[in-house]
N, C-alpha and C. Protein backbone atom coordinates (compact mmCIF):
# COMPACT_ATOMS: atom_id res chain seq x y z
N MET A 1 -3.34 10.21 20.91
CA MET A 1 -2.71 10.04 19.68
C MET A 1 -3.26 11.04 18.86
N SER A 2 -2.20 11.42 18.01
CA SER A 2 -2.71 12.57 16.93
C SER A 2 -3.38 11.70 15.49
N TYR A 3 -4.12 12.44 14.88
CA TYR A 3 -4.54 12.18 13.69
C TYR A 3 -3.34 11.54 12.84
N ASN A 4 -2.46 12.48 12.67
CA ASN A 4 -1.18 12.09 11.75
C ASN A 4 -0.56 10.87 12.17
N LEU A 5 -0.49 10.54 13.41
CA LEU A 5 0.19 9.20 14.00
C LEU A 5 -0.70 8.06 13.57
N VAL A 6 -1.97 8.18 13.85
CA VAL A 6 -2.85 6.99 13.66
C VAL A 6 -2.72 6.91 12.03
N MET A 7 -3.00 8.04 11.19
CA MET A 7 -3.11 7.56 9.74
C MET A 7 -1.83 7.06 9.11
N GLY A 8 -0.63 7.47 9.57
CA GLY A 8 0.52 7.20 9.31
C GLY A 8 0.79 5.59 9.66
N LEU A 9 0.27 5.26 10.70
CA LEU A 9 0.47 3.80 11.08
C LEU A 9 -0.55 2.95 10.37
N PHE A 10 -1.51 3.51 10.00
CA PHE A 10 -2.54 2.69 9.37
C PHE A 10 -2.12 2.43 7.79
N CYS A 11 -1.51 3.47 7.11
CA CYS A 11 -1.00 3.29 5.85
C CYS A 11 -0.05 2.34 5.85
N ILE A 12 1.05 2.58 6.91
CA ILE A 12 1.95 1.59 6.93
C ILE A 12 1.43 -0.01 7.10
N ALA A 13 0.41 -0.14 7.79
CA ALA A 13 -0.13 -1.48 7.83
C ALA A 13 -0.68 -1.89 6.69
N VAL A 14 -1.34 -0.99 5.79
CA VAL A 14 -1.91 -1.27 4.51
C VAL A 14 -0.80 -1.74 3.65
N GLY A 15 -0.04 -0.81 3.58
CA GLY A 15 1.22 -1.05 2.60
C GLY A 15 2.19 -2.36 2.73
N LEU A 16 2.24 -2.60 4.07
CA LEU A 16 3.15 -3.73 4.64
C LEU A 16 2.28 -5.09 4.39
N GLY A 17 1.03 -4.93 4.70
CA GLY A 17 0.11 -6.15 4.68
C GLY A 17 -0.01 -6.64 3.22
N THR A 18 -0.23 -5.50 2.34
CA THR A 18 -0.02 -5.92 0.96
C THR A 18 1.13 -6.52 0.25
N LEU A 19 2.09 -5.81 0.73
CA LEU A 19 3.40 -6.47 0.51
C LEU A 19 3.67 -7.90 1.00
N ALA A 20 3.36 -8.22 2.07
CA ALA A 20 3.34 -9.42 2.64
C ALA A 20 2.47 -10.60 1.97
N ALA A 21 1.26 -10.00 1.73
CA ALA A 21 0.44 -10.81 0.99
C ALA A 21 1.00 -11.36 -0.54
N ARG A 22 1.72 -10.47 -1.19
CA ARG A 22 2.41 -10.59 -2.38
C ARG A 22 3.54 -11.62 -2.08
N ILE A 23 4.27 -11.50 -1.23
CA ILE A 23 5.55 -12.35 -0.95
C ILE A 23 4.96 -13.69 -0.55
N PHE A 24 3.75 -13.98 0.51
CA PHE A 24 3.54 -15.16 0.92
C PHE A 24 2.30 -15.64 0.21
N GLY A 25 1.91 -14.92 -0.85
CA GLY A 25 0.99 -15.72 -1.76
C GLY A 25 -0.76 -15.74 -1.02
N TRP A 26 -0.97 -14.61 -0.44
CA TRP A 26 -2.35 -14.69 0.12
C TRP A 26 -3.27 -14.01 -0.66
N LYS A 27 -3.85 -14.89 -1.39
CA LYS A 27 -4.72 -14.67 -2.54
C LYS A 27 -6.05 -13.83 -2.26
N ALA A 28 -6.63 -13.92 -0.74
CA ALA A 28 -7.69 -13.38 -0.45
C ALA A 28 -7.41 -11.90 -0.35
N LEU A 29 -6.18 -11.27 0.01
CA LEU A 29 -6.01 -10.31 0.38
C LEU A 29 -5.81 -9.24 -1.00
N LEU A 30 -5.82 -10.18 -2.08
CA LEU A 30 -5.26 -9.32 -3.27
C LEU A 30 -6.49 -9.62 -4.24
N SER A 31 -7.51 -9.06 -4.01
CA SER A 31 -8.83 -9.40 -4.56
C SER A 31 -8.92 -8.46 -5.79
N LYS A 32 -8.40 -7.39 -5.79
CA LYS A 32 -8.40 -6.48 -6.85
C LYS A 32 -7.47 -6.58 -7.96
N LYS A 33 -6.30 -7.66 -7.66
CA LYS A 33 -5.17 -7.92 -8.47
C LYS A 33 -5.53 -8.37 -9.71
N GLU A 34 -6.30 -9.65 -9.70
CA GLU A 34 -6.85 -10.29 -10.83
C GLU A 34 -7.69 -9.31 -11.65
N PRO A 35 -8.75 -8.66 -11.56
CA PRO A 35 -9.36 -7.81 -12.63
C PRO A 35 -8.35 -6.79 -13.09
N MET A 36 -7.55 -6.39 -12.19
CA MET A 36 -6.45 -5.29 -12.80
C MET A 36 -5.66 -6.19 -13.96
N GLU A 37 -5.22 -7.32 -13.74
CA GLU A 37 -4.53 -7.93 -14.65
C GLU A 37 -5.24 -8.13 -15.91
N ARG A 38 -6.61 -8.67 -15.70
CA ARG A 38 -7.48 -8.87 -16.99
C ARG A 38 -7.66 -7.73 -17.82
N TYR A 39 -8.02 -6.34 -17.23
CA TYR A 39 -8.13 -5.37 -17.75
C TYR A 39 -6.73 -4.77 -18.48
N PHE A 40 -5.71 -4.69 -17.68
CA PHE A 40 -4.46 -3.73 -18.24
C PHE A 40 -3.33 -4.91 -18.78
N GLY A 41 -3.66 -6.26 -18.52
CA GLY A 41 -2.62 -7.25 -19.02
C GLY A 41 -1.95 -7.63 -17.74
N PRO A 42 -1.36 -8.85 -17.95
CA PRO A 42 -0.71 -9.47 -16.66
C PRO A 42 0.37 -8.63 -16.17
N ARG A 43 1.30 -8.03 -17.06
CA ARG A 43 2.45 -7.26 -16.44
C ARG A 43 1.92 -5.80 -16.05
N ALA A 44 1.37 -5.29 -16.71
CA ALA A 44 0.90 -3.75 -16.58
C ALA A 44 0.01 -3.73 -15.24
N GLY A 45 -0.96 -4.78 -15.20
CA GLY A 45 -1.85 -4.89 -14.13
C GLY A 45 -1.14 -5.18 -12.71
N ASN A 46 -0.14 -5.90 -12.64
CA ASN A 46 0.60 -6.29 -11.54
C ASN A 46 1.51 -4.91 -11.06
N VAL A 47 2.03 -4.29 -12.17
CA VAL A 47 2.62 -3.17 -11.79
C VAL A 47 1.69 -2.15 -11.04
N ILE A 48 0.68 -1.78 -11.59
CA ILE A 48 -0.24 -0.79 -11.32
C ILE A 48 -0.65 -1.22 -9.80
N HIS A 49 -1.06 -2.51 -9.66
CA HIS A 49 -1.49 -3.01 -8.33
C HIS A 49 -0.46 -2.61 -7.28
N PHE A 50 0.97 -3.19 -7.81
CA PHE A 50 1.91 -3.02 -6.80
C PHE A 50 2.17 -1.44 -6.27
N ILE A 51 2.19 -0.49 -7.45
CA ILE A 51 2.28 0.74 -6.85
C ILE A 51 1.28 1.36 -6.42
N SER A 52 -0.04 1.12 -6.55
CA SER A 52 -1.01 1.68 -6.27
C SER A 52 -1.50 1.27 -4.37
N TYR A 53 -1.26 -0.10 -4.36
CA TYR A 53 -1.55 -0.65 -3.03
C TYR A 53 -0.53 -0.88 -2.19
N THR A 54 0.83 -0.64 -2.52
CA THR A 54 1.95 -1.02 -1.83
C THR A 54 2.73 0.14 -1.51
N ILE A 55 3.11 0.74 -2.86
CA ILE A 55 4.07 1.90 -2.88
C ILE A 55 3.32 3.38 -2.32
N VAL A 56 1.97 3.68 -2.87
CA VAL A 56 1.54 4.84 -2.52
C VAL A 56 1.10 4.88 -1.06
N PRO A 57 0.77 3.76 -0.44
CA PRO A 57 0.11 4.01 1.15
C PRO A 57 1.62 4.14 1.84
N LEU A 58 2.90 3.54 1.73
CA LEU A 58 3.94 3.83 2.33
C LEU A 58 4.40 5.27 2.08
N VAL A 59 4.14 5.75 0.82
CA VAL A 59 4.81 7.17 0.75
C VAL A 59 3.65 8.09 1.68
N ILE A 60 2.59 8.00 1.67
CA ILE A 60 1.54 8.62 2.24
C ILE A 60 1.94 8.60 3.90
N ALA A 61 2.37 7.26 4.29
CA ALA A 61 2.52 7.03 5.55
C ALA A 61 3.75 7.87 6.05
N ALA A 62 5.01 8.08 5.22
CA ALA A 62 5.97 8.91 5.34
C ALA A 62 5.51 10.36 5.62
N ILE A 63 4.70 10.71 4.76
CA ILE A 63 4.18 12.30 4.74
C ILE A 63 3.46 12.22 6.05
N PHE A 64 2.61 11.59 6.47
CA PHE A 64 1.97 11.82 7.79
C PHE A 64 2.95 11.77 8.96
N LEU A 65 3.75 10.65 8.99
CA LEU A 65 4.69 10.73 10.02
C LEU A 65 5.73 11.74 10.21
N ASN A 66 6.19 12.41 8.80
CA ASN A 66 6.82 13.39 8.72
C ASN A 66 6.13 14.68 9.31
N ARG A 67 4.77 14.77 9.15
CA ARG A 67 3.89 15.90 9.96
C ARG A 67 3.94 15.66 11.35
N GLU A 68 3.83 14.17 11.93
CA GLU A 68 3.62 14.09 13.21
C GLU A 68 5.08 14.53 14.05
N ILE A 69 6.17 13.96 13.30
CA ILE A 69 7.62 14.31 13.82
C ILE A 69 8.08 15.78 13.71
N ASP A 70 7.56 16.32 12.94
CA ASP A 70 7.65 17.75 12.58
C ASP A 70 9.11 18.21 12.20
N VAL A 71 9.60 17.29 11.26
CA VAL A 71 10.89 17.35 11.00
C VAL A 71 11.18 18.55 9.88
N PRO A 72 12.03 19.52 9.98
CA PRO A 72 12.08 20.59 9.15
C PRO A 72 12.81 20.39 7.74
């Protein structure tokens, strides 16, 4: 397995794991969400947490997997 494939799969696991934790209410996996909500406010903290721990890993995974597949 190449580095790009391993990192792409890892980033997908992180992004989807965080998304599943949000959907199913697994508070143990969302330990940084509460401090972010206290610091930035409930709405902004939630949005920042969602973007940084769900969206960004999925975008990075797409970049790694694109390099692996070598699509022009």
